[in-house]
Amino acid sequence: MKLKNSYFITKREDTKDEESISANLLVRSGMIKKIGSGIYAFLPLGYKVFKKIENIIREEMYKAGAQELVMPCLLPESYYVDSGRRDVFGDDMFSLKDRSLRDYVLGPTHEELFVEVCRDYIKSYKDMPINLYQIENKYRDEPRPRYGLIRTREFVMKDAYSFDKDMEGLDQSYQIMFDAYKRIFDRIGLDYRIVRASSGAMGGLLSEEFQAITDIGEDVVVFCDHCGLSTNIEICECPTVEEADEEGLLEKELFHTPSCGTIEELSSTYHVDPKNLCKTLIYRVEDDFYAFCVRGDRELNETKIQKLFGTKNVSLATFEEDEKITGAAVGFAGPIDLSVPVILDTEVLGMKNFMVGANQTDYHYKNVNLRDFSYDKVCDIRNISEDDVCPVCGSHLTFKRGIEVGNTFKLGTKYSESMNLYFTDEDNQLKPVVMGCYGIGLARILSAYVEQHHDEDGMIFSLEIAPYDCAIVVVNTKDEEQMKIATQMYDKFQQEGIDVVLDDRDVNVGVKFKDMELIGIPKIYTVGKNILEGVVECKDRKTKNKEMISLKEIL
């Protein structure tokens, strides 16, 4: 491409409303443009990178034996009602009515539709295994879009689905796709980890995530270098705790704690270690309320609560609901004489003589022990912390932040049973098809890559996904010899299948250099005065090393 008469726009200043490095650089480089909250346009340069990522995925899907199709985005709502997921998605799903007042949605994911098309094909065990995929837009009404392309309302996903006659077949199909994913992310050049994760709204038997490691990642991934534990914090089990002995137990005592409704206020005012505090959180689970108790310095894990009750409908009680249940202002809830079921985190069993809310405004109890209140259940309901040891081997843990760029699920028969996808086996018996699901977020890959590969001058792309393999910068476009040689180089590169951009704009050469570095071109060739000696300068974008190369040796 020649830049002079092409759509090419860059910005020198940072973008004020973008909070991540990747979003800022992608906007500044003219690769994307924000259209609305969580809605972005891919401009020509960005779309070129996007298509290169897409092509890598297609190549690896082909090697894995997956066949491509395309599903519609506008879908009858009934498909999600039939599968039982309409209520699970709730307000996250965009919904609308047609002129006949029939209910439609914009597809957030397409498991139901793939089951629908396979009902026409799969009749016998002989019709499997098969693997179908698409690269298609998805829509989710994110309550808080953020970090540019990382969390948006409209995004492109590669979603694949395998169909097998039994679990052994699923295991084989899963491994084929799992290996394909590793090849995809290796080719792109991402620093990633594979972790166990919650299956969430997808359901199923197993979920694994491919997490690109970056400081702005929304997920926390937990590793143990000793035993190989690798998991999302959402499902990471906490180490077991021995129940406290009865030695030295004190009698509980009510005391006045005015205006101290938080752990921080109690700790600073009364010099109490948060580890000796037990906080009580009131939650609504479906239509009922529960009190969850964790140590004062711990965080409650809502994913574990969802799994405990088998529902996604878990939310913190409103201030009004909290005050009605406890009879006190928010911040003074405690497990003693509470009217709702009390569930303790396992770690609370190891505490004694601790402090809890008294269910009276401006009052707490101190020297509380398990004998002072009743509870209904004890289970692991907190986030594991960096001061914990590995729950498997007891070794040191490492915590990192990650962006989920891909995920794989063993769905089992969840969707085939709910949507009547059955086949006849070798014994002429009807059996539900066993499914797997495999997703990749293309825009997330781009953002994660830029987060990992940039410097003070801009992005640093690998040859696999760079918008162009190399750039030719002409120092003086009014110099006929420079333009002649640059054009000859450009034509020769194109003939050899090298993806090249020629910066023939009538602007200062410093602007050209800054733009080429900003957009991350791997190799930058400068055609200037040295052309009289038959050489050009070549700069490596990543190392910034420069060398003079003879025109005869460039290819």
Protein backbone atom coordinates (compact mmCIF):
# COMPACT_ATOMS: atom_id res chain seq x y z
CA MET A 1 0.00 0.00 0.00
CA LYS A 2 1.14 3.54 -0.75
CA LEU A 3 0.21 5.94 2.04
CA LYS A 4 -0.11 9.16 0.07
CA ASN A 5 -3.61 8.47 -1.22
CA SER A 6 -4.74 5.99 1.45
CA TYR A 7 -6.86 6.27 4.58
CA PHE A 8 -4.17 6.62 7.23
CA ILE A 9 -4.56 8.72 10.37
CA THR A 10 -2.50 8.90 13.56
CA LYS A 11 -2.60 11.03 16.69
CA ARG A 12 0.33 12.41 18.68
CA GLU A 13 -1.54 12.90 21.97
CA ASP A 14 -2.95 10.21 24.25
CA THR A 15 -6.69 9.57 24.08
CA LYS A 16 -8.36 10.95 27.19
CA ASP A 17 -11.23 8.47 27.52
CA GLU A 18 -9.21 5.26 27.09
CA GLU A 19 -7.94 3.74 30.33
CA SER A 20 -5.67 1.01 28.95
CA ILE A 21 -2.37 1.20 27.07
CA SER A 22 -3.68 -1.03 24.29
CA ALA A 23 -6.85 0.99 23.67
CA ASN A 24 -4.89 4.24 23.70
CA LEU A 25 -2.31 2.97 21.20
CA LEU A 26 -4.89 1.34 18.94
CA VAL A 27 -6.89 4.60 18.79
CA ARG A 28 -3.78 6.77 18.34
CA SER A 29 -2.51 4.58 15.53
CA GLY A 30 -5.77 4.85 13.63
CA MET A 31 -6.55 1.14 13.98
CA ILE A 32 -9.85 1.53 15.82
CA LYS A 33 -12.32 4.31 16.58
CA LYS A 34 -14.75 4.46 19.49
CA ILE A 35 -18.34 4.81 18.25
CA GLY A 36 -20.11 4.49 21.60
CA SER A 37 -19.69 2.93 25.04
CA GLY A 38 -18.26 -0.54 24.38
CA ILE A 39 -18.67 -0.14 20.60
CA TYR A 40 -15.69 0.23 18.25
CA ALA A 41 -15.09 0.45 14.52
CA PHE A 42 -12.08 -1.29 12.99
CA LEU A 43 -10.42 1.12 10.57
CA PRO A 44 -8.42 -0.17 7.55
CA LEU A 45 -5.11 -0.60 9.38
CA GLY A 46 -6.66 -2.29 12.42
CA TYR A 47 -8.86 -4.49 10.27
CA LYS A 48 -5.76 -5.70 8.45
CA VAL A 49 -4.24 -6.89 11.74
CA PHE A 50 -7.61 -8.35 12.75
CA LYS A 51 -7.80 -10.37 9.51
CA LYS A 52 -4.30 -11.74 10.06
CA ILE A 53 -5.36 -13.01 13.50
CA GLU A 54 -8.49 -14.44 11.91
CA ASN A 55 -6.48 -16.22 9.21
CA ILE A 56 -4.21 -17.88 11.78
CA ILE A 57 -7.30 -19.16 13.58
CA ARG A 58 -8.83 -20.44 10.34
CA GLU A 59 -5.63 -22.25 9.39
CA GLU A 60 -5.46 -24.03 12.73
CA MET A 61 -9.18 -24.86 12.69
CA TYR A 62 -8.69 -26.44 9.27
CA LYS A 63 -5.79 -28.53 10.59
CA ALA A 64 -8.01 -29.59 13.52
CA GLY A 65 -10.69 -30.82 11.12
CA ALA A 66 -13.33 -28.19 11.97
CA GLN A 67 -15.76 -27.00 9.28
CA GLU A 68 -16.76 -23.35 9.07
CA LEU A 69 -20.30 -22.01 8.83
CA VAL A 70 -22.01 -18.73 9.70
CA MET A 71 -24.97 -18.31 12.04
CA PRO A 72 -27.33 -15.31 12.10
CA CYS A 73 -26.95 -12.77 14.90
CA LEU A 74 -30.69 -11.99 15.11
CA LEU A 75 -32.31 -15.00 16.75
CA PRO A 76 -35.74 -16.06 18.03
CA GLU A 77 -35.69 -15.82 21.82
CA SER A 78 -37.34 -19.24 22.06
CA TYR A 79 -34.03 -21.05 21.49
CA TYR A 80 -32.64 -19.68 24.76
CA VAL A 81 -35.93 -20.31 26.58
CA ASP A 82 -35.85 -23.96 25.47
CA SER A 83 -32.28 -24.42 26.71
CA GLY A 84 -33.05 -22.73 30.04
CA ARG A 85 -30.50 -19.95 29.52
CA ARG A 86 -32.78 -16.97 28.88
CA ASP A 87 -33.12 -16.25 32.59
CA VAL A 88 -29.43 -17.02 33.16
CA PHE A 89 -28.35 -14.28 30.74
CA GLY A 90 -30.98 -11.86 32.06
CA ASP A 91 -30.23 -8.22 31.27
CA ASP A 92 -26.92 -9.14 29.60
CA MET A 93 -28.88 -10.17 26.52
CA PHE A 94 -30.08 -7.57 24.00
CA SER A 95 -33.76 -8.25 23.25
CA LEU A 96 -36.23 -6.76 20.78
CA LYS A 97 -39.55 -7.41 19.04
CA ASP A 98 -40.35 -7.49 15.35
CA ARG A 99 -43.36 -5.75 13.80
CA SER A 100 -45.51 -8.75 14.71
CA LEU A 101 -44.41 -8.42 18.36
CA ARG A 102 -42.46 -11.68 18.29
CA ASP A 103 -39.50 -11.86 20.68
CA TYR A 104 -35.96 -11.82 19.31
CA VAL A 105 -32.48 -11.46 20.79
CA LEU A 106 -29.01 -10.59 19.53
CA GLY A 107 -26.97 -13.74 20.02
CA PRO A 108 -24.57 -13.62 22.99
CA THR A 109 -23.35 -17.13 22.13
CA HIS A 110 -24.61 -19.84 19.79
CA GLU A 111 -24.70 -23.26 21.47
CA GLU A 112 -28.44 -23.53 20.91
CA LEU A 113 -28.18 -22.77 17.20
CA PHE A 114 -25.45 -25.32 16.58
CA VAL A 115 -27.63 -27.93 18.28
CA GLU A 116 -30.46 -26.87 15.98
CA VAL A 117 -28.47 -27.40 12.77
CA CYS A 118 -27.07 -30.72 14.01
CA ARG A 119 -30.53 -32.13 14.72
CA ASP A 120 -30.96 -32.37 10.94
CA TYR A 121 -27.67 -34.22 10.48
CA ILE A 122 -26.94 -36.41 13.50
CA LYS A 123 -29.17 -39.47 13.55
CA SER A 124 -26.71 -42.29 14.20
CA TYR A 125 -23.43 -42.87 16.01
CA LYS A 126 -21.94 -43.19 12.52
CA ASP A 127 -22.55 -39.46 11.95
CA MET A 128 -19.96 -38.49 14.57
CA PRO A 129 -17.51 -37.08 15.46
CA ILE A 130 -18.00 -33.71 13.78
CA ASN A 131 -16.72 -30.24 14.63
CA LEU A 132 -18.32 -27.02 13.37
CA TYR A 133 -17.21 -23.44 13.93
CA GLN A 134 -17.91 -19.86 12.98
CA ILE A 135 -16.25 -16.47 13.31
CA GLU A 136 -19.16 -14.20 14.09
CA ASN A 137 -20.34 -11.12 16.00
CA LYS A 138 -21.69 -11.56 19.51
CA TYR A 139 -23.70 -9.07 21.59
CA ARG A 140 -23.84 -8.64 25.36
CA ASP A 141 -25.14 -5.61 27.21
CA GLU A 142 -22.11 -5.17 29.43
CA PRO A 143 -22.98 -3.02 32.47
CA ARG A 144 -19.47 -1.57 32.48
CA PRO A 145 -17.56 -1.70 29.19
CA ARG A 146 -13.88 -1.00 29.79
CA TYR A 147 -10.30 -1.27 28.60
CA GLY A 148 -11.11 -0.65 24.95
CA LEU A 149 -11.60 -3.92 23.07
CA ILE A 150 -11.26 -6.10 26.17
CA ARG A 151 -14.83 -5.68 27.43
CA THR A 152 -17.28 -4.48 24.79
CA ARG A 153 -20.95 -4.76 23.89
CA GLU A 154 -20.29 -6.06 20.38
CA PHE A 155 -17.38 -8.36 19.67
CA VAL A 156 -16.22 -11.07 17.27
CA MET A 157 -15.76 -14.58 18.57
CA LYS A 158 -14.56 -17.80 17.02
CA ASP A 159 -16.83 -20.42 18.56
CA ALA A 160 -16.49 -24.11 17.70
CA TYR A 161 -18.60 -27.07 18.82
CA SER A 162 -17.71 -30.75 18.78
CA PHE A 163 -20.29 -33.53 18.70
CA ASP A 164 -19.43 -37.07 19.84
CA LYS A 165 -21.18 -40.28 20.77
CA ASP A 166 -19.56 -40.70 24.19
CA MET A 167 -17.20 -39.15 26.72
CA GLU A 168 -14.20 -40.95 25.26
CA GLY A 169 -14.92 -39.28 21.93
CA LEU A 170 -15.33 -35.90 23.63
CA ASP A 171 -11.97 -36.32 25.34
CA GLN A 172 -10.32 -36.88 21.95
CA SER A 173 -12.12 -33.96 20.26
CA TYR A 174 -11.33 -31.72 23.22
CA GLN A 175 -7.62 -32.53 23.06
CA ILE A 176 -7.48 -31.81 19.32
CA MET A 177 -8.99 -28.35 19.85
CA PHE A 178 -6.93 -27.74 22.98
CA ASP A 179 -3.73 -28.38 21.01
CA ALA A 180 -4.97 -26.15 18.16
CA TYR A 181 -5.49 -23.31 20.65
CA LYS A 182 -1.94 -23.62 21.89
CA ARG A 183 -0.65 -23.42 18.32
CA ILE A 184 -2.78 -20.33 17.65
CA PHE A 185 -1.52 -18.39 20.67
CA ASP A 186 2.06 -19.55 20.14
CA ARG A 187 2.01 -18.36 16.53
CA ILE A 188 0.60 -14.99 17.51
CA GLY A 189 3.24 -14.59 20.20
CA LEU A 190 1.16 -14.22 23.35
CA ASP A 191 2.50 -14.85 26.84
CA TYR A 192 -0.35 -16.97 28.20
CA ARG A 193 -1.25 -19.51 30.88
CA ILE A 194 -3.86 -22.27 30.77
CA VAL A 195 -6.00 -22.36 33.91
CA ARG A 196 -9.00 -24.23 35.26
CA ALA A 197 -12.05 -22.00 35.48
CA SER A 198 -15.75 -21.79 36.29
CA SER A 199 -18.09 -22.94 33.53
CA GLY A 200 -20.50 -20.11 34.43
CA ALA A 201 -23.49 -19.65 32.15
CA MET A 202 -22.07 -22.27 29.76
CA GLY A 203 -22.46 -25.10 32.25
CA GLY A 204 -20.85 -28.47 31.64
CA LEU A 205 -18.19 -30.72 33.11
CA LEU A 206 -14.92 -28.84 32.61
CA SER A 207 -13.80 -25.33 31.70
CA GLU A 208 -10.28 -24.18 30.95
CA GLU A 209 -9.18 -20.66 30.06
CA PHE A 210 -6.26 -19.33 28.04
CA GLN A 211 -5.19 -16.24 30.00
CA ALA A 212 -2.89 -13.64 28.45
CA ILE A 213 -0.78 -12.27 31.30
CA THR A 214 -1.06 -8.47 31.63
CA ASP A 215 -1.29 -5.95 34.45
CA ILE A 216 -4.77 -4.80 33.42
CA GLY A 217 -6.26 -8.29 33.26
CA GLU A 218 -9.70 -8.53 34.84
CA ASP A 219 -9.07 -12.10 36.02
CA VAL A 220 -6.70 -13.25 38.74
CA VAL A 221 -4.88 -16.47 37.95
CA VAL A 222 -3.20 -18.57 40.62
CA PHE A 223 -0.12 -20.74 40.00
CA CYS A 224 1.99 -23.13 41.99
CA ASP A 225 5.39 -23.77 40.45
CA HIS A 226 5.95 -26.79 42.68
CA CYS A 227 2.95 -28.99 41.82
CA GLY A 228 1.70 -27.28 38.65
CA LEU A 229 -1.59 -25.95 40.03
CA SER A 230 -2.99 -23.42 37.55
CA THR A 231 -6.46 -22.01 38.12
CA ASN A 232 -8.68 -18.96 38.00
CA ILE A 233 -9.11 -17.48 41.48
CA GLU A 234 -12.88 -17.87 41.04
CA ILE A 235 -12.67 -21.63 41.53
CA CYS A 236 -9.39 -22.04 43.38
CA GLU A 237 -9.93 -24.07 46.52
CA CYS A 238 -8.61 -22.61 49.75
CA PRO A 239 -6.40 -24.68 52.07
CA THR A 240 -8.19 -26.52 54.86
CA VAL A 241 -8.11 -25.10 58.39
CA GLU A 242 -8.18 -26.98 61.67
CA GLU A 243 -10.99 -26.08 64.05
CA ALA A 244 -9.89 -23.93 66.97
CA ASP A 245 -9.48 -25.67 70.33
CA GLU A 246 -11.44 -24.57 73.40
CA GLU A 247 -8.46 -23.45 75.40
CA GLY A 248 -8.60 -19.80 76.50
CA LEU A 249 -12.12 -19.07 75.25
CA LEU A 250 -13.56 -15.84 76.66
CA GLU A 251 -17.14 -14.73 77.21
CA LYS A 252 -18.61 -12.57 74.49
CA GLU A 253 -19.04 -8.90 75.34
CA LEU A 254 -21.18 -6.19 73.74
CA PHE A 255 -19.37 -2.91 73.26
CA HIS A 256 -20.05 0.46 71.69
CA THR A 257 -18.48 1.12 68.28
CA PRO A 258 -20.01 4.39 67.04
CA SER A 259 -19.62 5.13 63.32
CA CYS A 260 -17.47 2.02 62.77
CA GLY A 261 -19.36 0.07 60.14
CA THR A 262 -16.38 -1.16 58.11
CA ILE A 263 -13.43 -3.43 58.77
CA GLU A 264 -11.04 -0.51 58.14
CA GLU A 265 -12.81 1.75 60.64
CA LEU A 266 -12.89 -0.94 63.34
CA SER A 267 -9.27 -1.86 62.76
CA SER A 268 -7.93 1.70 62.87
CA THR A 269 -10.14 2.96 65.72
CA TYR A 270 -9.78 0.02 68.10
CA HIS A 271 -6.42 -1.34 66.85
CA VAL A 272 -7.93 -4.71 66.01
CA ASP A 273 -6.19 -6.98 63.52
CA PRO A 274 -8.61 -7.65 60.62
CA LYS A 275 -7.67 -11.33 60.99
CA ASN A 276 -9.50 -11.25 64.33
CA LEU A 277 -12.67 -9.81 62.80
CA CYS A 278 -15.44 -11.80 61.16
CA LYS A 279 -17.60 -9.93 58.67
CA THR A 280 -21.15 -10.96 57.86
CA LEU A 281 -22.53 -10.27 54.40
CA ILE A 282 -26.23 -10.57 53.58
CA TYR A 283 -26.95 -11.95 50.11
CA ARG A 284 -30.04 -12.73 48.08
CA VAL A 285 -29.86 -16.18 46.47
CA GLU A 286 -32.77 -16.63 44.07
CA ASP A 287 -35.68 -15.47 46.31
CA ASP A 288 -34.13 -16.23 49.70
CA PHE A 289 -31.61 -14.44 51.91
CA TYR A 290 -28.49 -15.87 53.54
CA ALA A 291 -25.73 -14.56 55.79
CA PHE A 292 -22.17 -15.44 54.75
CA CYS A 293 -19.34 -15.09 57.27
CA VAL A 294 -15.66 -14.73 56.31
CA ARG A 295 -12.57 -13.47 58.11
CA GLY A 296 -12.25 -9.69 58.12
CA ASP A 297 -9.33 -9.53 55.68
CA ARG A 298 -10.88 -11.97 53.16
CA GLU A 299 -13.11 -11.51 50.11
CA LEU A 300 -16.29 -13.48 49.57
CA ASN A 301 -16.27 -15.49 46.33
CA GLU A 302 -19.62 -15.14 44.55
CA THR A 303 -18.74 -17.82 41.99
CA LYS A 304 -18.37 -20.37 44.79
CA ILE A 305 -21.76 -19.29 46.16
CA GLN A 306 -23.31 -19.73 42.72
CA LYS A 307 -21.87 -23.23 42.54
CA LEU A 308 -22.97 -24.02 46.09
CA PHE A 309 -26.60 -23.18 45.29
CA GLY A 310 -26.57 -24.13 41.61
CA THR A 311 -27.71 -20.72 40.40
CA LYS A 312 -26.32 -17.55 38.84
CA ASN A 313 -28.92 -15.41 40.63
CA VAL A 314 -26.73 -14.29 43.53
CA SER A 315 -26.54 -10.64 44.58
CA LEU A 316 -25.61 -8.56 47.60
CA ALA A 317 -28.69 -7.43 49.52
CA THR A 318 -29.72 -3.81 49.12
CA PHE A 319 -29.24 -1.43 52.03
CA GLU A 320 -32.97 -1.61 52.75
CA GLU A 321 -33.01 -5.42 52.69
CA ASP A 322 -29.90 -5.62 54.87
CA GLU A 323 -31.33 -3.27 57.48
CA LYS A 324 -34.68 -5.09 57.53
CA ILE A 325 -33.00 -8.47 58.14
CA THR A 326 -30.45 -7.31 60.76
CA GLY A 327 -32.45 -4.53 62.41
CA ALA A 328 -29.34 -2.36 62.22
CA ALA A 329 -27.55 0.00 59.87
CA VAL A 330 -25.44 -1.55 57.13
CA GLY A 331 -22.03 -2.56 58.50
CA PHE A 332 -23.24 -3.93 61.83
CA ALA A 333 -24.51 -7.35 60.71
CA GLY A 334 -23.41 -10.40 62.66
CA PRO A 335 -24.27 -14.12 62.97
CA ILE A 336 -25.68 -14.00 66.54
CA ASP A 337 -29.49 -14.37 66.71
CA LEU A 338 -29.87 -13.75 63.00
CA SER A 339 -33.18 -14.71 61.35
CA VAL A 340 -31.68 -16.02 58.09
CA PRO A 341 -29.48 -19.10 57.50
CA VAL A 342 -25.82 -18.55 58.37
CA ILE A 343 -23.04 -20.06 56.24
CA LEU A 344 -19.46 -19.96 57.51
CA ASP A 345 -16.28 -20.00 55.50
CA THR A 346 -14.08 -22.92 56.58
CA GLU A 347 -11.45 -20.50 57.87
CA VAL A 348 -13.86 -19.17 60.52
CA LEU A 349 -13.68 -22.59 62.21
CA GLY A 350 -10.08 -21.81 63.15
CA MET A 351 -10.92 -18.48 64.81
CA LYS A 352 -11.61 -17.79 68.46
CA ASN A 353 -12.29 -14.74 70.60
CA PHE A 354 -13.10 -12.73 67.50
CA MET A 355 -15.26 -9.68 66.81
CA VAL A 356 -18.60 -9.63 64.94
CA GLY A 357 -21.41 -7.18 64.31
CA ALA A 358 -24.11 -7.17 66.97
CA ASN A 359 -27.11 -6.53 64.68
CA GLN A 360 -27.46 -3.24 66.56
CA THR A 361 -26.42 0.08 65.06
CA ASP A 362 -23.06 1.26 66.48
CA TYR A 363 -22.47 -1.99 68.41
CA HIS A 364 -20.27 -5.06 68.01
CA TYR A 365 -19.53 -8.16 70.06
CA LYS A 366 -15.97 -9.03 70.99
CA ASN A 367 -14.57 -12.34 72.28
CA VAL A 368 -17.08 -14.26 70.18
CA ASN A 369 -16.65 -18.00 69.59
CA LEU A 370 -18.48 -20.65 67.57
CA ARG A 371 -20.44 -21.71 70.67
CA ASP A 372 -22.09 -18.27 70.77
CA PHE A 373 -24.22 -18.67 67.64
CA SER A 374 -25.74 -21.32 65.41
CA TYR A 375 -24.83 -21.82 61.77
CA ASP A 376 -26.27 -23.95 59.00
CA LYS A 377 -23.28 -24.88 56.87
CA VAL A 378 -19.49 -24.62 56.70
CA CYS A 379 -17.81 -24.54 53.29
CA ASP A 380 -15.14 -22.82 51.19
CA ILE A 381 -16.73 -19.50 50.13
CA ARG A 382 -13.77 -17.10 49.97
CA ASN A 383 -11.06 -16.08 47.52
CA ILE A 384 -7.70 -17.65 48.07
CA SER A 385 -5.09 -14.99 49.01
CA GLU A 386 -1.39 -14.52 48.38
CA ASP A 387 -0.60 -15.31 52.00
CA ASP A 388 -2.23 -18.74 51.63
CA VAL A 389 -0.30 -21.85 50.67
CA CYS A 390 -1.12 -24.10 47.75
CA PRO A 391 -4.19 -26.21 48.62
CA VAL A 392 -2.63 -29.19 46.80
CA CYS A 393 0.99 -29.31 48.03
CA GLY A 394 1.35 -26.53 50.59
CA SER A 395 3.95 -24.60 48.60
CA HIS A 396 4.16 -20.89 47.78
CA LEU A 397 1.58 -19.49 45.33
CA THR A 398 2.03 -16.94 42.55
CA PHE A 399 -0.74 -14.53 41.57
CA LYS A 400 -0.95 -12.79 38.19
CA ARG A 401 -3.59 -10.84 36.32
CA GLY A 402 -4.80 -12.12 32.98
CA ILE A 403 -7.08 -11.36 30.04
CA GLU A 404 -9.17 -14.34 29.00
CA VAL A 405 -8.52 -14.70 25.26
CA GLY A 406 -9.83 -18.23 24.81
CA ASN A 407 -11.76 -20.91 26.62
CA THR A 408 -12.60 -24.57 26.18
CA PHE A 409 -15.55 -26.41 27.70
CA LYS A 410 -16.60 -30.01 28.04
CA LEU A 411 -20.33 -29.42 27.87
CA GLY A 412 -21.35 -33.07 28.09
CA THR A 413 -25.07 -33.56 27.42
CA LYS A 414 -26.35 -30.29 28.92
CA TYR A 415 -27.61 -28.84 25.63
CA SER A 416 -28.35 -32.04 23.75
CA GLU A 417 -30.73 -33.20 26.50
CA SER A 418 -32.47 -29.84 26.93
CA MET A 419 -32.86 -29.37 23.16
CA ASN A 420 -33.56 -32.96 22.11
CA LEU A 421 -30.37 -33.82 20.21
CA TYR A 422 -30.26 -37.62 20.35
CA PHE A 423 -28.75 -40.38 18.21
CA THR A 424 -29.13 -44.12 17.84
CA ASP A 425 -26.16 -46.07 19.21
CA GLU A 426 -24.71 -49.45 18.20
CA ASP A 427 -27.42 -51.23 20.23
CA ASN A 428 -30.21 -49.22 18.62
CA GLN A 429 -30.71 -47.21 21.83
CA LEU A 430 -31.36 -43.46 21.87
CA LYS A 431 -28.53 -41.52 23.54
CA PRO A 432 -27.87 -37.78 23.97
CA VAL A 433 -25.00 -36.35 21.92
CA VAL A 434 -21.92 -35.39 23.93
CA MET A 435 -20.71 -31.85 23.16
CA GLY A 436 -17.66 -29.65 23.56
CA CYS A 437 -17.40 -25.89 23.08
CA TYR A 438 -14.33 -23.81 22.19
CA GLY A 439 -14.22 -19.99 22.03
CA ILE A 440 -11.65 -17.33 21.12
CA GLY A 441 -12.08 -13.56 21.35
CA LEU A 442 -10.31 -12.03 18.35
CA ALA A 443 -10.33 -8.40 19.49
CA ARG A 444 -9.18 -9.45 22.94
CA ILE A 445 -6.20 -11.17 21.35
CA LEU A 446 -5.26 -7.89 19.66
CA SER A 447 -5.60 -5.87 22.88
CA ALA A 448 -3.72 -8.43 24.96
CA TYR A 449 -0.93 -8.58 22.39
CA VAL A 450 -0.50 -4.80 22.41
CA GLU A 451 -0.52 -4.77 26.23
CA GLN A 452 2.37 -7.23 26.16
CA HIS A 453 4.28 -5.81 23.17
CA HIS A 454 4.80 -2.06 23.20
CA ASP A 455 7.31 0.58 24.23
CA GLU A 456 7.36 4.36 24.62
CA ASP A 457 7.15 4.80 20.83
CA GLY A 458 4.17 2.55 20.15
CA MET A 459 3.26 -1.03 19.32
CA ILE A 460 5.69 -3.81 18.40
CA PHE A 461 4.08 -6.39 16.14
CA SER A 462 5.43 -9.79 15.18
CA LEU A 463 5.66 -10.71 11.52
CA GLU A 464 2.65 -13.02 11.95
CA ILE A 465 0.12 -10.26 12.70
CA ALA A 466 1.82 -6.95 11.80
CA PRO A 467 -0.28 -4.72 9.53
CA TYR A 468 2.67 -4.89 7.08
CA ASP A 469 5.82 -6.98 6.99
CA CYS A 470 7.94 -3.92 6.35
CA ALA A 471 7.81 -0.21 5.54
CA ILE A 472 9.75 1.83 3.03
CA VAL A 473 10.23 5.43 4.17
CA VAL A 474 11.31 8.00 1.59
CA VAL A 475 13.28 10.82 3.20
CA ASN A 476 12.69 13.33 0.39
CA THR A 477 9.79 12.58 -1.96
CA LYS A 478 10.89 15.45 -4.20
CA ASP A 479 14.16 13.64 -4.90
CA GLU A 480 13.52 11.70 -8.12
CA GLU A 481 16.23 9.12 -7.46
CA GLN A 482 14.96 8.37 -3.95
CA MET A 483 11.39 7.95 -5.24
CA LYS A 484 12.59 5.81 -8.13
CA ILE A 485 14.54 3.40 -5.92
CA ALA A 486 11.77 3.30 -3.29
CA THR A 487 9.19 2.47 -5.94
CA GLN A 488 11.39 -0.25 -7.40
CA MET A 489 11.83 -1.77 -3.94
CA TYR A 490 8.08 -1.56 -3.35
CA ASP A 491 7.25 -3.28 -6.64
CA LYS A 492 9.86 -6.01 -6.11
CA PHE A 493 8.65 -6.72 -2.56
CA GLN A 494 5.09 -7.07 -3.81
CA GLN A 495 6.18 -9.43 -6.58
CA GLU A 496 7.87 -11.61 -3.96
CA GLY A 497 4.72 -11.71 -1.81
CA ILE A 498 6.10 -9.38 0.88
CA ASP A 499 3.37 -7.26 2.49
CA VAL A 500 4.89 -3.78 2.25
CA VAL A 501 3.79 -0.19 2.83
CA LEU A 502 5.46 2.74 1.05
CA ASP A 503 5.39 6.01 2.98
CA ASP A 504 5.41 8.44 0.08
CA ARG A 505 3.62 11.25 1.92
CA ASP A 506 4.84 14.83 1.55
CA VAL A 507 5.47 15.26 5.29
CA ASN A 508 8.53 15.65 7.49
CA VAL A 509 10.57 12.45 7.63
CA GLY A 510 10.47 12.58 11.44
CA VAL A 511 6.68 12.26 11.27
CA LYS A 512 7.07 9.24 9.02
CA PHE A 513 9.45 7.51 11.42
CA LYS A 514 7.18 8.18 14.41
CA ASP A 515 4.15 6.82 12.56
CA MET A 516 5.90 3.63 11.46
CA GLU A 517 7.09 3.01 15.02
CA LEU A 518 3.64 3.79 16.42
CA ILE A 519 1.94 1.23 14.19
CA GLY A 520 4.61 -1.36 14.99
CA ILE A 521 6.00 -2.33 11.56
CA PRO A 522 8.72 -5.01 12.16
CA LYS A 523 11.26 -3.68 9.60
CA ILE A 524 11.63 -0.07 8.46
CA TYR A 525 13.75 0.65 5.36
CA THR A 526 14.87 4.25 4.89
CA VAL A 527 15.61 5.46 1.37
CA GLY A 528 17.71 8.63 1.69
CA LYS A 529 21.01 10.15 0.62
CA ASN A 530 22.82 6.82 1.04
CA ILE A 531 20.97 5.60 -2.03
CA LEU A 532 23.79 7.18 -4.08
CA GLU A 533 26.06 4.52 -2.58
CA GLY A 534 23.57 1.75 -3.35
CA VAL A 535 22.54 1.15 0.28
CA VAL A 536 19.51 1.75 2.48
CA GLU A 537 19.13 1.82 6.25
CA CYS A 538 17.16 -1.00 7.89
CA LYS A 539 15.79 -0.57 11.42
CA ASP A 540 14.43 -3.43 13.50
CA ARG A 541 11.35 -2.15 15.36
CA LYS A 542 11.76 -4.49 18.33
CA THR A 543 15.50 -4.17 19.00
CA LYS A 544 15.86 -0.71 17.38
CA ASN A 545 19.12 -1.89 15.85
CA LYS A 546 20.06 -0.23 12.56
CA GLU A 547 22.21 -1.54 9.73
CA MET A 548 23.08 -0.44 6.22
CA ILE A 549 22.06 -2.98 3.56
CA SER A 550 22.98 -3.12 -0.08
CA LEU A 551 20.08 -2.88 -2.48
CA LYS A 552 21.27 -6.15 -4.00
CA GLU A 553 20.98 -7.95 -0.65
CA ILE A 554 17.66 -6.64 0.65
CA LEU A 555 15.50 -9.58 -0.44
